[in-house]
PDBML (XML) file of the C-alpha atoms, coordinates in Angstrom:
<?xml version="1.0" encoding="UTF-8" ?>
<PDBx:datablock datablockName="MODEL"
   xmlns:PDBx="http://pdbml.pdb.org/schema/pdbx-v50.xsd"
   xmlns:xsi="http://www.w3.org/2001/XMLSchema-instance"
   xsi:schemaLocation="http://pdbml.pdb.org/schema/pdbx-v50.xsd pdbx-v50.xsd">
   <PDBx:atom_siteCategory>
      <PDBx:atom_site id="1">
         <PDBx:B_iso_or_equiv>0.00</PDBx:B_iso_or_equiv>
         <PDBx:Cartn_x>0.000</PDBx:Cartn_x>
         <PDBx:Cartn_y>0.000</PDBx:Cartn_y>
         <PDBx:Cartn_z>0.000</PDBx:Cartn_z>
         <PDBx:auth_asym_id>A</PDBx:auth_asym_id>
         <PDBx:auth_atom_id>CA</PDBx:auth_atom_id>
         <PDBx:auth_comp_id>UNK</PDBx:auth_comp_id>
         <PDBx:auth_seq_id>1</PDBx:auth_seq_id>
         <PDBx:group_PDB>ATOM</PDBx:group_PDB>
         <PDBx:label_alt_id xsi:nil="true" />
         <PDBx:label_asym_id>A</PDBx:label_asym_id>
         <PDBx:label_atom_id>CA</PDBx:label_atom_id>
         <PDBx:label_comp_id>UNK</PDBx:label_comp_id>
         <PDBx:label_entity_id>1</PDBx:label_entity_id>
         <PDBx:label_seq_id>1</PDBx:label_seq_id>
         <PDBx:occupancy>1.00</PDBx:occupancy>
         <PDBx:pdbx_PDB_model_num>1</PDBx:pdbx_PDB_model_num>
         <PDBx:type_symbol>C</PDBx:type_symbol>
      </PDBx:atom_site>
      <PDBx:atom_site id="2">
         <PDBx:B_iso_or_equiv>0.00</PDBx:B_iso_or_equiv>
         <PDBx:Cartn_x>2.995</PDBx:Cartn_x>
         <PDBx:Cartn_y>2.320</PDBx:Cartn_y>
         <PDBx:Cartn_z>0.490</PDBx:Cartn_z>
         <PDBx:auth_asym_id>A</PDBx:auth_asym_id>
         <PDBx:auth_atom_id>CA</PDBx:auth_atom_id>
         <PDBx:auth_comp_id>UNK</PDBx:auth_comp_id>
         <PDBx:auth_seq_id>2</PDBx:auth_seq_id>
         <PDBx:group_PDB>ATOM</PDBx:group_PDB>
         <PDBx:label_alt_id xsi:nil="true" />
         <PDBx:label_asym_id>A</PDBx:label_asym_id>
         <PDBx:label_atom_id>CA</PDBx:label_atom_id>
         <PDBx:label_comp_id>UNK</PDBx:label_comp_id>
         <PDBx:label_entity_id>1</PDBx:label_entity_id>
         <PDBx:label_seq_id>2</PDBx:label_seq_id>
         <PDBx:occupancy>1.00</PDBx:occupancy>
         <PDBx:pdbx_PDB_model_num>1</PDBx:pdbx_PDB_model_num>
         <PDBx:type_symbol>C</PDBx:type_symbol>
      </PDBx:atom_site>
      <PDBx:atom_site id="3">
         <PDBx:B_iso_or_equiv>0.00</PDBx:B_iso_or_equiv>
         <PDBx:Cartn_x>4.628</PDBx:Cartn_x>
         <PDBx:Cartn_y>1.855</PDBx:Cartn_y>
         <PDBx:Cartn_z>-2.930</PDBx:Cartn_z>
         <PDBx:auth_asym_id>A</PDBx:auth_asym_id>
         <PDBx:auth_atom_id>CA</PDBx:auth_atom_id>
         <PDBx:auth_comp_id>UNK</PDBx:auth_comp_id>
         <PDBx:auth_seq_id>3</PDBx:auth_seq_id>
         <PDBx:group_PDB>ATOM</PDBx:group_PDB>
         <PDBx:label_alt_id xsi:nil="true" />
         <PDBx:label_asym_id>A</PDBx:label_asym_id>
         <PDBx:label_atom_id>CA</PDBx:label_atom_id>
         <PDBx:label_comp_id>UNK</PDBx:label_comp_id>
         <PDBx:label_entity_id>1</PDBx:label_entity_id>
         <PDBx:label_seq_id>3</PDBx:label_seq_id>
         <PDBx:occupancy>1.00</PDBx:occupancy>
         <PDBx:pdbx_PDB_model_num>1</PDBx:pdbx_PDB_model_num>
         <PDBx:type_symbol>C</PDBx:type_symbol>
      </PDBx:atom_site>
      <PDBx:atom_site id="4">
         <PDBx:B_iso_or_equiv>0.00</PDBx:B_iso_or_equiv>
         <PDBx:Cartn_x>2.526</PDBx:Cartn_x>
         <PDBx:Cartn_y>4.520</PDBx:Cartn_y>
         <PDBx:Cartn_z>-4.732</PDBx:Cartn_z>
         <PDBx:auth_asym_id>A</PDBx:auth_asym_id>
         <PDBx:auth_atom_id>CA</PDBx:auth_atom_id>
         <PDBx:auth_comp_id>UNK</PDBx:auth_comp_id>
         <PDBx:auth_seq_id>4</PDBx:auth_seq_id>
         <PDBx:group_PDB>ATOM</PDBx:group_PDB>
         <PDBx:label_alt_id xsi:nil="true" />
         <PDBx:label_asym_id>A</PDBx:label_asym_id>
         <PDBx:label_atom_id>CA</PDBx:label_atom_id>
         <PDBx:label_comp_id>UNK</PDBx:label_comp_id>
         <PDBx:label_entity_id>1</PDBx:label_entity_id>
         <PDBx:label_seq_id>4</PDBx:label_seq_id>
         <PDBx:occupancy>1.00</PDBx:occupancy>
         <PDBx:pdbx_PDB_model_num>1</PDBx:pdbx_PDB_model_num>
         <PDBx:type_symbol>C</PDBx:type_symbol>
      </PDBx:atom_site>
      <PDBx:atom_site id="5">
         <PDBx:B_iso_or_equiv>0.00</PDBx:B_iso_or_equiv>
         <PDBx:Cartn_x>3.444</PDBx:Cartn_x>
         <PDBx:Cartn_y>7.074</PDBx:Cartn_y>
         <PDBx:Cartn_z>-2.067</PDBx:Cartn_z>
         <PDBx:auth_asym_id>A</PDBx:auth_asym_id>
         <PDBx:auth_atom_id>CA</PDBx:auth_atom_id>
         <PDBx:auth_comp_id>UNK</PDBx:auth_comp_id>
         <PDBx:auth_seq_id>5</PDBx:auth_seq_id>
         <PDBx:group_PDB>ATOM</PDBx:group_PDB>
         <PDBx:label_alt_id xsi:nil="true" />
         <PDBx:label_asym_id>A</PDBx:label_asym_id>
         <PDBx:label_atom_id>CA</PDBx:label_atom_id>
         <PDBx:label_comp_id>UNK</PDBx:label_comp_id>
         <PDBx:label_entity_id>1</PDBx:label_entity_id>
         <PDBx:label_seq_id>5</PDBx:label_seq_id>
         <PDBx:occupancy>1.00</PDBx:occupancy>
         <PDBx:pdbx_PDB_model_num>1</PDBx:pdbx_PDB_model_num>
         <PDBx:type_symbol>C</PDBx:type_symbol>
      </PDBx:atom_site>
      <PDBx:atom_site id="6">
         <PDBx:B_iso_or_equiv>0.00</PDBx:B_iso_or_equiv>
         <PDBx:Cartn_x>7.122</PDBx:Cartn_x>
         <PDBx:Cartn_y>6.136</PDBx:Cartn_y>
         <PDBx:Cartn_z>-2.265</PDBx:Cartn_z>
         <PDBx:auth_asym_id>A</PDBx:auth_asym_id>
         <PDBx:auth_atom_id>CA</PDBx:auth_atom_id>
         <PDBx:auth_comp_id>UNK</PDBx:auth_comp_id>
         <PDBx:auth_seq_id>6</PDBx:auth_seq_id>
         <PDBx:group_PDB>ATOM</PDBx:group_PDB>
         <PDBx:label_alt_id xsi:nil="true" />
         <PDBx:label_asym_id>A</PDBx:label_asym_id>
         <PDBx:label_atom_id>CA</PDBx:label_atom_id>
         <PDBx:label_comp_id>UNK</PDBx:label_comp_id>
         <PDBx:label_entity_id>1</PDBx:label_entity_id>
         <PDBx:label_seq_id>6</PDBx:label_seq_id>
         <PDBx:occupancy>1.00</PDBx:occupancy>
         <PDBx:pdbx_PDB_model_num>1</PDBx:pdbx_PDB_model_num>
         <PDBx:type_symbol>C</PDBx:type_symbol>
      </PDBx:atom_site>
      <PDBx:atom_site id="7">
         <PDBx:B_iso_or_equiv>0.00</PDBx:B_iso_or_equiv>
         <PDBx:Cartn_x>7.063</PDBx:Cartn_x>
         <PDBx:Cartn_y>6.586</PDBx:Cartn_y>
         <PDBx:Cartn_z>-6.044</PDBx:Cartn_z>
         <PDBx:auth_asym_id>A</PDBx:auth_asym_id>
         <PDBx:auth_atom_id>CA</PDBx:auth_atom_id>
         <PDBx:auth_comp_id>UNK</PDBx:auth_comp_id>
         <PDBx:auth_seq_id>7</PDBx:auth_seq_id>
         <PDBx:group_PDB>ATOM</PDBx:group_PDB>
         <PDBx:label_alt_id xsi:nil="true" />
         <PDBx:label_asym_id>A</PDBx:label_asym_id>
         <PDBx:label_atom_id>CA</PDBx:label_atom_id>
         <PDBx:label_comp_id>UNK</PDBx:label_comp_id>
         <PDBx:label_entity_id>1</PDBx:label_entity_id>
         <PDBx:label_seq_id>7</PDBx:label_seq_id>
         <PDBx:occupancy>1.00</PDBx:occupancy>
         <PDBx:pdbx_PDB_model_num>1</PDBx:pdbx_PDB_model_num>
         <PDBx:type_symbol>C</PDBx:type_symbol>
      </PDBx:atom_site>
      <PDBx:atom_site id="8">
         <PDBx:B_iso_or_equiv>0.00</PDBx:B_iso_or_equiv>
         <PDBx:Cartn_x>5.356</PDBx:Cartn_x>
         <PDBx:Cartn_y>9.978</PDBx:Cartn_y>
         <PDBx:Cartn_z>-5.659</PDBx:Cartn_z>
         <PDBx:auth_asym_id>A</PDBx:auth_asym_id>
         <PDBx:auth_atom_id>CA</PDBx:auth_atom_id>
         <PDBx:auth_comp_id>UNK</PDBx:auth_comp_id>
         <PDBx:auth_seq_id>8</PDBx:auth_seq_id>
         <PDBx:group_PDB>ATOM</PDBx:group_PDB>
         <PDBx:label_alt_id xsi:nil="true" />
         <PDBx:label_asym_id>A</PDBx:label_asym_id>
         <PDBx:label_atom_id>CA</PDBx:label_atom_id>
         <PDBx:label_comp_id>UNK</PDBx:label_comp_id>
         <PDBx:label_entity_id>1</PDBx:label_entity_id>
         <PDBx:label_seq_id>8</PDBx:label_seq_id>
         <PDBx:occupancy>1.00</PDBx:occupancy>
         <PDBx:pdbx_PDB_model_num>1</PDBx:pdbx_PDB_model_num>
         <PDBx:type_symbol>C</PDBx:type_symbol>
      </PDBx:atom_site>
      <PDBx:atom_site id="9">
         <PDBx:B_iso_or_equiv>0.00</PDBx:B_iso_or_equiv>
         <PDBx:Cartn_x>7.899</PDBx:Cartn_x>
         <PDBx:Cartn_y>11.049</PDBx:Cartn_y>
         <PDBx:Cartn_z>-3.026</PDBx:Cartn_z>
         <PDBx:auth_asym_id>A</PDBx:auth_asym_id>
         <PDBx:auth_atom_id>CA</PDBx:auth_atom_id>
         <PDBx:auth_comp_id>UNK</PDBx:auth_comp_id>
         <PDBx:auth_seq_id>9</PDBx:auth_seq_id>
         <PDBx:group_PDB>ATOM</PDBx:group_PDB>
         <PDBx:label_alt_id xsi:nil="true" />
         <PDBx:label_asym_id>A</PDBx:label_asym_id>
         <PDBx:label_atom_id>CA</PDBx:label_atom_id>
         <PDBx:label_comp_id>UNK</PDBx:label_comp_id>
         <PDBx:label_entity_id>1</PDBx:label_entity_id>
         <PDBx:label_seq_id>9</PDBx:label_seq_id>
         <PDBx:occupancy>1.00</PDBx:occupancy>
         <PDBx:pdbx_PDB_model_num>1</PDBx:pdbx_PDB_model_num>
         <PDBx:type_symbol>C</PDBx:type_symbol>
      </PDBx:atom_site>
      <PDBx:atom_site id="10">
         <PDBx:B_iso_or_equiv>0.00</PDBx:B_iso_or_equiv>
         <PDBx:Cartn_x>10.678</PDBx:Cartn_x>
         <PDBx:Cartn_y>10.116</PDBx:Cartn_y>
         <PDBx:Cartn_z>-5.417</PDBx:Cartn_z>
         <PDBx:auth_asym_id>A</PDBx:auth_asym_id>
         <PDBx:auth_atom_id>CA</PDBx:auth_atom_id>
         <PDBx:auth_comp_id>UNK</PDBx:auth_comp_id>
         <PDBx:auth_seq_id>10</PDBx:auth_seq_id>
         <PDBx:group_PDB>ATOM</PDBx:group_PDB>
         <PDBx:label_alt_id xsi:nil="true" />
         <PDBx:label_asym_id>A</PDBx:label_asym_id>
         <PDBx:label_atom_id>CA</PDBx:label_atom_id>
         <PDBx:label_comp_id>UNK</PDBx:label_comp_id>
         <PDBx:label_entity_id>1</PDBx:label_entity_id>
         <PDBx:label_seq_id>10</PDBx:label_seq_id>
         <PDBx:occupancy>1.00</PDBx:occupancy>
         <PDBx:pdbx_PDB_model_num>1</PDBx:pdbx_PDB_model_num>
         <PDBx:type_symbol>C</PDBx:type_symbol>
      </PDBx:atom_site>
      <PDBx:atom_site id="11">
         <PDBx:B_iso_or_equiv>0.00</PDBx:B_iso_or_equiv>
         <PDBx:Cartn_x>9.077</PDBx:Cartn_x>
         <PDBx:Cartn_y>12.278</PDBx:Cartn_y>
         <PDBx:Cartn_z>-8.134</PDBx:Cartn_z>
         <PDBx:auth_asym_id>A</PDBx:auth_asym_id>
         <PDBx:auth_atom_id>CA</PDBx:auth_atom_id>
         <PDBx:auth_comp_id>UNK</PDBx:auth_comp_id>
         <PDBx:auth_seq_id>11</PDBx:auth_seq_id>
         <PDBx:group_PDB>ATOM</PDBx:group_PDB>
         <PDBx:label_alt_id xsi:nil="true" />
         <PDBx:label_asym_id>A</PDBx:label_asym_id>
         <PDBx:label_atom_id>CA</PDBx:label_atom_id>
         <PDBx:label_comp_id>UNK</PDBx:label_comp_id>
         <PDBx:label_entity_id>1</PDBx:label_entity_id>
         <PDBx:label_seq_id>11</PDBx:label_seq_id>
         <PDBx:occupancy>1.00</PDBx:occupancy>
         <PDBx:pdbx_PDB_model_num>1</PDBx:pdbx_PDB_model_num>
         <PDBx:type_symbol>C</PDBx:type_symbol>
      </PDBx:atom_site>
      <PDBx:atom_site id="12">
         <PDBx:B_iso_or_equiv>0.00</PDBx:B_iso_or_equiv>
         <PDBx:Cartn_x>8.572</PDBx:Cartn_x>
         <PDBx:Cartn_y>15.203</PDBx:Cartn_y>
         <PDBx:Cartn_z>-5.749</PDBx:Cartn_z>
         <PDBx:auth_asym_id>A</PDBx:auth_asym_id>
         <PDBx:auth_atom_id>CA</PDBx:auth_atom_id>
         <PDBx:auth_comp_id>UNK</PDBx:auth_comp_id>
         <PDBx:auth_seq_id>12</PDBx:auth_seq_id>
         <PDBx:group_PDB>ATOM</PDBx:group_PDB>
         <PDBx:label_alt_id xsi:nil="true" />
         <PDBx:label_asym_id>A</PDBx:label_asym_id>
         <PDBx:label_atom_id>CA</PDBx:label_atom_id>
         <PDBx:label_comp_id>UNK</PDBx:label_comp_id>
         <PDBx:label_entity_id>1</PDBx:label_entity_id>
         <PDBx:label_seq_id>12</PDBx:label_seq_id>
         <PDBx:occupancy>1.00</PDBx:occupancy>
         <PDBx:pdbx_PDB_model_num>1</PDBx:pdbx_PDB_model_num>
         <PDBx:type_symbol>C</PDBx:type_symbol>
      </PDBx:atom_site>
      <PDBx:atom_site id="13">
         <PDBx:B_iso_or_equiv>0.00</PDBx:B_iso_or_equiv>
         <PDBx:Cartn_x>12.199</PDBx:Cartn_x>
         <PDBx:Cartn_y>15.050</PDBx:Cartn_y>
         <PDBx:Cartn_z>-4.621</PDBx:Cartn_z>
         <PDBx:auth_asym_id>A</PDBx:auth_asym_id>
         <PDBx:auth_atom_id>CA</PDBx:auth_atom_id>
         <PDBx:auth_comp_id>UNK</PDBx:auth_comp_id>
         <PDBx:auth_seq_id>13</PDBx:auth_seq_id>
         <PDBx:group_PDB>ATOM</PDBx:group_PDB>
         <PDBx:label_alt_id xsi:nil="true" />
         <PDBx:label_asym_id>A</PDBx:label_asym_id>
         <PDBx:label_atom_id>CA</PDBx:label_atom_id>
         <PDBx:label_comp_id>UNK</PDBx:label_comp_id>
         <PDBx:label_entity_id>1</PDBx:label_entity_id>
         <PDBx:label_seq_id>13</PDBx:label_seq_id>
         <PDBx:occupancy>1.00</PDBx:occupancy>
         <PDBx:pdbx_PDB_model_num>1</PDBx:pdbx_PDB_model_num>
         <PDBx:type_symbol>C</PDBx:type_symbol>
      </PDBx:atom_site>
      <PDBx:atom_site id="14">
         <PDBx:B_iso_or_equiv>0.00</PDBx:B_iso_or_equiv>
         <PDBx:Cartn_x>13.435</PDBx:Cartn_x>
         <PDBx:Cartn_y>14.948</PDBx:Cartn_y>
         <PDBx:Cartn_z>-8.210</PDBx:Cartn_z>
         <PDBx:auth_asym_id>A</PDBx:auth_asym_id>
         <PDBx:auth_atom_id>CA</PDBx:auth_atom_id>
         <PDBx:auth_comp_id>UNK</PDBx:auth_comp_id>
         <PDBx:auth_seq_id>14</PDBx:auth_seq_id>
         <PDBx:group_PDB>ATOM</PDBx:group_PDB>
         <PDBx:label_alt_id xsi:nil="true" />
         <PDBx:label_asym_id>A</PDBx:label_asym_id>
         <PDBx:label_atom_id>CA</PDBx:label_atom_id>
         <PDBx:label_comp_id>UNK</PDBx:label_comp_id>
         <PDBx:label_entity_id>1</PDBx:label_entity_id>
         <PDBx:label_seq_id>14</PDBx:label_seq_id>
         <PDBx:occupancy>1.00</PDBx:occupancy>
         <PDBx:pdbx_PDB_model_num>1</PDBx:pdbx_PDB_model_num>
         <PDBx:type_symbol>C</PDBx:type_symbol>
      </PDBx:atom_site>
      <PDBx:atom_site id="15">
         <PDBx:B_iso_or_equiv>0.00</PDBx:B_iso_or_equiv>
         <PDBx:Cartn_x>11.166</PDBx:Cartn_x>
         <PDBx:Cartn_y>17.892</PDBx:Cartn_y>
         <PDBx:Cartn_z>-9.106</PDBx:Cartn_z>
         <PDBx:auth_asym_id>A</PDBx:auth_asym_id>
         <PDBx:auth_atom_id>CA</PDBx:auth_atom_id>
         <PDBx:auth_comp_id>UNK</PDBx:auth_comp_id>
         <PDBx:auth_seq_id>15</PDBx:auth_seq_id>
         <PDBx:group_PDB>ATOM</PDBx:group_PDB>
         <PDBx:label_alt_id xsi:nil="true" />
         <PDBx:label_asym_id>A</PDBx:label_asym_id>
         <PDBx:label_atom_id>CA</PDBx:label_atom_id>
         <PDBx:label_comp_id>UNK</PDBx:label_comp_id>
         <PDBx:label_entity_id>1</PDBx:label_entity_id>
         <PDBx:label_seq_id>15</PDBx:label_seq_id>
         <PDBx:occupancy>1.00</PDBx:occupancy>
         <PDBx:pdbx_PDB_model_num>1</PDBx:pdbx_PDB_model_num>
         <PDBx:type_symbol>C</PDBx:type_symbol>
      </PDBx:atom_site>
      <PDBx:atom_site id="16">
         <PDBx:B_iso_or_equiv>0.00</PDBx:B_iso_or_equiv>
         <PDBx:Cartn_x>12.427</PDBx:Cartn_x>
         <PDBx:Cartn_y>19.857</PDBx:Cartn_y>
         <PDBx:Cartn_z>-6.103</PDBx:Cartn_z>
         <PDBx:auth_asym_id>A</PDBx:auth_asym_id>
         <PDBx:auth_atom_id>CA</PDBx:auth_atom_id>
         <PDBx:auth_comp_id>UNK</PDBx:auth_comp_id>
         <PDBx:auth_seq_id>16</PDBx:auth_seq_id>
         <PDBx:group_PDB>ATOM</PDBx:group_PDB>
         <PDBx:label_alt_id xsi:nil="true" />
         <PDBx:label_asym_id>A</PDBx:label_asym_id>
         <PDBx:label_atom_id>CA</PDBx:label_atom_id>
         <PDBx:label_comp_id>UNK</PDBx:label_comp_id>
         <PDBx:label_entity_id>1</PDBx:label_entity_id>
         <PDBx:label_seq_id>16</PDBx:label_seq_id>
         <PDBx:occupancy>1.00</PDBx:occupancy>
         <PDBx:pdbx_PDB_model_num>1</PDBx:pdbx_PDB_model_num>
         <PDBx:type_symbol>C</PDBx:type_symbol>
      </PDBx:atom_site>
      <PDBx:atom_site id="17">
         <PDBx:B_iso_or_equiv>0.00</PDBx:B_iso_or_equiv>
         <PDBx:Cartn_x>16.076</PDBx:Cartn_x>
         <PDBx:Cartn_y>19.235</PDBx:Cartn_y>
         <PDBx:Cartn_z>-6.977</PDBx:Cartn_z>
         <PDBx:auth_asym_id>A</PDBx:auth_asym_id>
         <PDBx:auth_atom_id>CA</PDBx:auth_atom_id>
         <PDBx:auth_comp_id>UNK</PDBx:auth_comp_id>
         <PDBx:auth_seq_id>17</PDBx:auth_seq_id>
         <PDBx:group_PDB>ATOM</PDBx:group_PDB>
         <PDBx:label_alt_id xsi:nil="true" />
         <PDBx:label_asym_id>A</PDBx:label_asym_id>
         <PDBx:label_atom_id>CA</PDBx:label_atom_id>
         <PDBx:label_comp_id>UNK</PDBx:label_comp_id>
         <PDBx:label_entity_id>1</PDBx:label_entity_id>
         <PDBx:label_seq_id>17</PDBx:label_seq_id>
         <PDBx:occupancy>1.00</PDBx:occupancy>
         <PDBx:pdbx_PDB_model_num>1</PDBx:pdbx_PDB_model_num>
         <PDBx:type_symbol>C</PDBx:type_symbol>
      </PDBx:atom_site>
      <PDBx:atom_site id="18">
         <PDBx:B_iso_or_equiv>0.00</PDBx:B_iso_or_equiv>
         <PDBx:Cartn_x>15.588</PDBx:Cartn_x>
         <PDBx:Cartn_y>20.166</PDBx:Cartn_y>
         <PDBx:Cartn_z>-10.614</PDBx:Cartn_z>
         <PDBx:auth_asym_id>A</PDBx:auth_asym_id>
         <PDBx:auth_atom_id>CA</PDBx:auth_atom_id>
         <PDBx:auth_comp_id>UNK</PDBx:auth_comp_id>
         <PDBx:auth_seq_id>18</PDBx:auth_seq_id>
         <PDBx:group_PDB>ATOM</PDBx:group_PDB>
         <PDBx:label_alt_id xsi:nil="true" />
         <PDBx:label_asym_id>A</PDBx:label_asym_id>
         <PDBx:label_atom_id>CA</PDBx:label_atom_id>
         <PDBx:label_comp_id>UNK</PDBx:label_comp_id>
         <PDBx:label_entity_id>1</PDBx:label_entity_id>
         <PDBx:label_seq_id>18</PDBx:label_seq_id>
         <PDBx:occupancy>1.00</PDBx:occupancy>
         <PDBx:pdbx_PDB_model_num>1</PDBx:pdbx_PDB_model_num>
         <PDBx:type_symbol>C</PDBx:type_symbol>
      </PDBx:atom_site>
      <PDBx:atom_site id="19">
         <PDBx:B_iso_or_equiv>0.00</PDBx:B_iso_or_equiv>
         <PDBx:Cartn_x>13.751</PDBx:Cartn_x>
         <PDBx:Cartn_y>23.375</PDBx:Cartn_y>
         <PDBx:Cartn_z>-9.742</PDBx:Cartn_z>
         <PDBx:auth_asym_id>A</PDBx:auth_asym_id>
         <PDBx:auth_atom_id>CA</PDBx:auth_atom_id>
         <PDBx:auth_comp_id>UNK</PDBx:auth_comp_id>
         <PDBx:auth_seq_id>19</PDBx:auth_seq_id>
         <PDBx:group_PDB>ATOM</PDBx:group_PDB>
         <PDBx:label_alt_id xsi:nil="true" />
         <PDBx:label_asym_id>A</PDBx:label_asym_id>
         <PDBx:label_atom_id>CA</PDBx:label_atom_id>
         <PDBx:label_comp_id>UNK</PDBx:label_comp_id>
         <PDBx:label_entity_id>1</PDBx:label_entity_id>
         <PDBx:label_seq_id>19</PDBx:label_seq_id>
         <PDBx:occupancy>1.00</PDBx:occupancy>
         <PDBx:pdbx_PDB_model_num>1</PDBx:pdbx_PDB_model_num>
         <PDBx:type_symbol>C</PDBx:type_symbol>
      </PDBx:atom_site>
      <PDBx:atom_site id="20">
         <PDBx:B_iso_or_equiv>0.00</PDBx:B_iso_or_equiv>
         <PDBx:Cartn_x>16.320</PDBx:Cartn_x>
         <PDBx:Cartn_y>24.323</PDBx:Cartn_y>
         <PDBx:Cartn_z>-7.119</PDBx:Cartn_z>
         <PDBx:auth_asym_id>A</PDBx:auth_asym_id>
         <PDBx:auth_atom_id>CA</PDBx:auth_atom_id>
         <PDBx:auth_comp_id>UNK</PDBx:auth_comp_id>
         <PDBx:auth_seq_id>20</PDBx:auth_seq_id>
         <PDBx:group_PDB>ATOM</PDBx:group_PDB>
         <PDBx:label_alt_id xsi:nil="true" />
         <PDBx:label_asym_id>A</PDBx:label_asym_id>
         <PDBx:label_atom_id>CA</PDBx:label_atom_id>
         <PDBx:label_comp_id>UNK</PDBx:label_comp_id>
         <PDBx:label_entity_id>1</PDBx:label_entity_id>
         <PDBx:label_seq_id>20</PDBx:label_seq_id>
         <PDBx:occupancy>1.00</PDBx:occupancy>
         <PDBx:pdbx_PDB_model_num>1</PDBx:pdbx_PDB_model_num>
         <PDBx:type_symbol>C</PDBx:type_symbol>
      </PDBx:atom_site>
      <PDBx:atom_site id="21">
         <PDBx:B_iso_or_equiv>0.00</PDBx:B_iso_or_equiv>
         <PDBx:Cartn_x>19.387</PDBx:Cartn_x>
         <PDBx:Cartn_y>23.574</PDBx:Cartn_y>
         <PDBx:Cartn_z>-9.218</PDBx:Cartn_z>
         <PDBx:auth_asym_id>A</PDBx:auth_asym_id>
         <PDBx:auth_atom_id>CA</PDBx:auth_atom_id>
         <PDBx:auth_comp_id>UNK</PDBx:auth_comp_id>
         <PDBx:auth_seq_id>21</PDBx:auth_seq_id>
         <PDBx:group_PDB>ATOM</PDBx:group_PDB>
         <PDBx:label_alt_id xsi:nil="true" />
         <PDBx:label_asym_id>A</PDBx:label_asym_id>
         <PDBx:label_atom_id>CA</PDBx:label_atom_id>
         <PDBx:label_comp_id>UNK</PDBx:label_comp_id>
         <PDBx:label_entity_id>1</PDBx:label_entity_id>
         <PDBx:label_seq_id>21</PDBx:label_seq_id>
         <PDBx:occupancy>1.00</PDBx:occupancy>
         <PDBx:pdbx_PDB_model_num>1</PDBx:pdbx_PDB_model_num>
         <PDBx:type_symbol>C</PDBx:type_symbol>
      </PDBx:atom_site>
      <PDBx:atom_site id="22">
         <PDBx:B_iso_or_equiv>0.00</PDBx:B_iso_or_equiv>
         <PDBx:Cartn_x>17.931</PDBx:Cartn_x>
         <PDBx:Cartn_y>24.760</PDBx:Cartn_y>
         <PDBx:Cartn_z>-12.473</PDBx:Cartn_z>
         <PDBx:auth_asym_id>A</PDBx:auth_asym_id>
         <PDBx:auth_atom_id>CA</PDBx:auth_atom_id>
         <PDBx:auth_comp_id>UNK</PDBx:auth_comp_id>
         <PDBx:auth_seq_id>22</PDBx:auth_seq_id>
         <PDBx:group_PDB>ATOM</PDBx:group_PDB>
         <PDBx:label_alt_id xsi:nil="true" />
         <PDBx:label_asym_id>A</PDBx:label_asym_id>
         <PDBx:label_atom_id>CA</PDBx:label_atom_id>
         <PDBx:label_comp_id>UNK</PDBx:label_comp_id>
         <PDBx:label_entity_id>1</PDBx:label_entity_id>
         <PDBx:label_seq_id>22</PDBx:label_seq_id>
         <PDBx:occupancy>1.00</PDBx:occupancy>
         <PDBx:pdbx_PDB_model_num>1</PDBx:pdbx_PDB_model_num>
         <PDBx:type_symbol>C</PDBx:type_symbol>
      </PDBx:atom_site>
      <PDBx:atom_site id="23">
         <PDBx:B_iso_or_equiv>0.00</PDBx:B_iso_or_equiv>
         <PDBx:Cartn_x>19.345</PDBx:Cartn_x>
         <PDBx:Cartn_y>21.576</PDBx:Cartn_y>
         <PDBx:Cartn_z>-13.993</PDBx:Cartn_z>
         <PDBx:auth_asym_id>A</PDBx:auth_asym_id>
         <PDBx:auth_atom_id>CA</PDBx:auth_atom_id>
         <PDBx:auth_comp_id>UNK</PDBx:auth_comp_id>
         <PDBx:auth_seq_id>23</PDBx:auth_seq_id>
         <PDBx:group_PDB>ATOM</PDBx:group_PDB>
         <PDBx:label_alt_id xsi:nil="true" />
         <PDBx:label_asym_id>A</PDBx:label_asym_id>
         <PDBx:label_atom_id>CA</PDBx:label_atom_id>
         <PDBx:label_comp_id>UNK</PDBx:label_comp_id>
         <PDBx:label_entity_id>1</PDBx:label_entity_id>
         <PDBx:label_seq_id>23</PDBx:label_seq_id>
         <PDBx:occupancy>1.00</PDBx:occupancy>
         <PDBx:pdbx_PDB_model_num>1</PDBx:pdbx_PDB_model_num>
         <PDBx:type_symbol>C</PDBx:type_symbol>
      </PDBx:atom_site>
      <PDBx:atom_site id="24">
         <PDBx:B_iso_or_equiv>0.00</PDBx:B_iso_or_equiv>
         <PDBx:Cartn_x>16.931</PDBx:Cartn_x>
         <PDBx:Cartn_y>21.011</PDBx:Cartn_y>
         <PDBx:Cartn_z>-16.816</PDBx:Cartn_z>
         <PDBx:auth_asym_id>A</PDBx:auth_asym_id>
         <PDBx:auth_atom_id>CA</PDBx:auth_atom_id>
         <PDBx:auth_comp_id>UNK</PDBx:auth_comp_id>
         <PDBx:auth_seq_id>24</PDBx:auth_seq_id>
         <PDBx:group_PDB>ATOM</PDBx:group_PDB>
         <PDBx:label_alt_id xsi:nil="true" />
         <PDBx:label_asym_id>A</PDBx:label_asym_id>
         <PDBx:label_atom_id>CA</PDBx:label_atom_id>
         <PDBx:label_comp_id>UNK</PDBx:label_comp_id>
         <PDBx:label_entity_id>1</PDBx:label_entity_id>
         <PDBx:label_seq_id>24</PDBx:label_seq_id>
         <PDBx:occupancy>1.00</PDBx:occupancy>
         <PDBx:pdbx_PDB_model_num>1</PDBx:pdbx_PDB_model_num>
         <PDBx:type_symbol>C</PDBx:type_symbol>
      </PDBx:atom_site>
   </PDBx:atom_siteCategory>
</PDBx:datablock>
């Protein structure tokens, strides 16, 4: 039951890092 949330957390972290670093 936790796997979907873990996948979403992974996406959110990646999105945060990309937005912060400007590494697009």
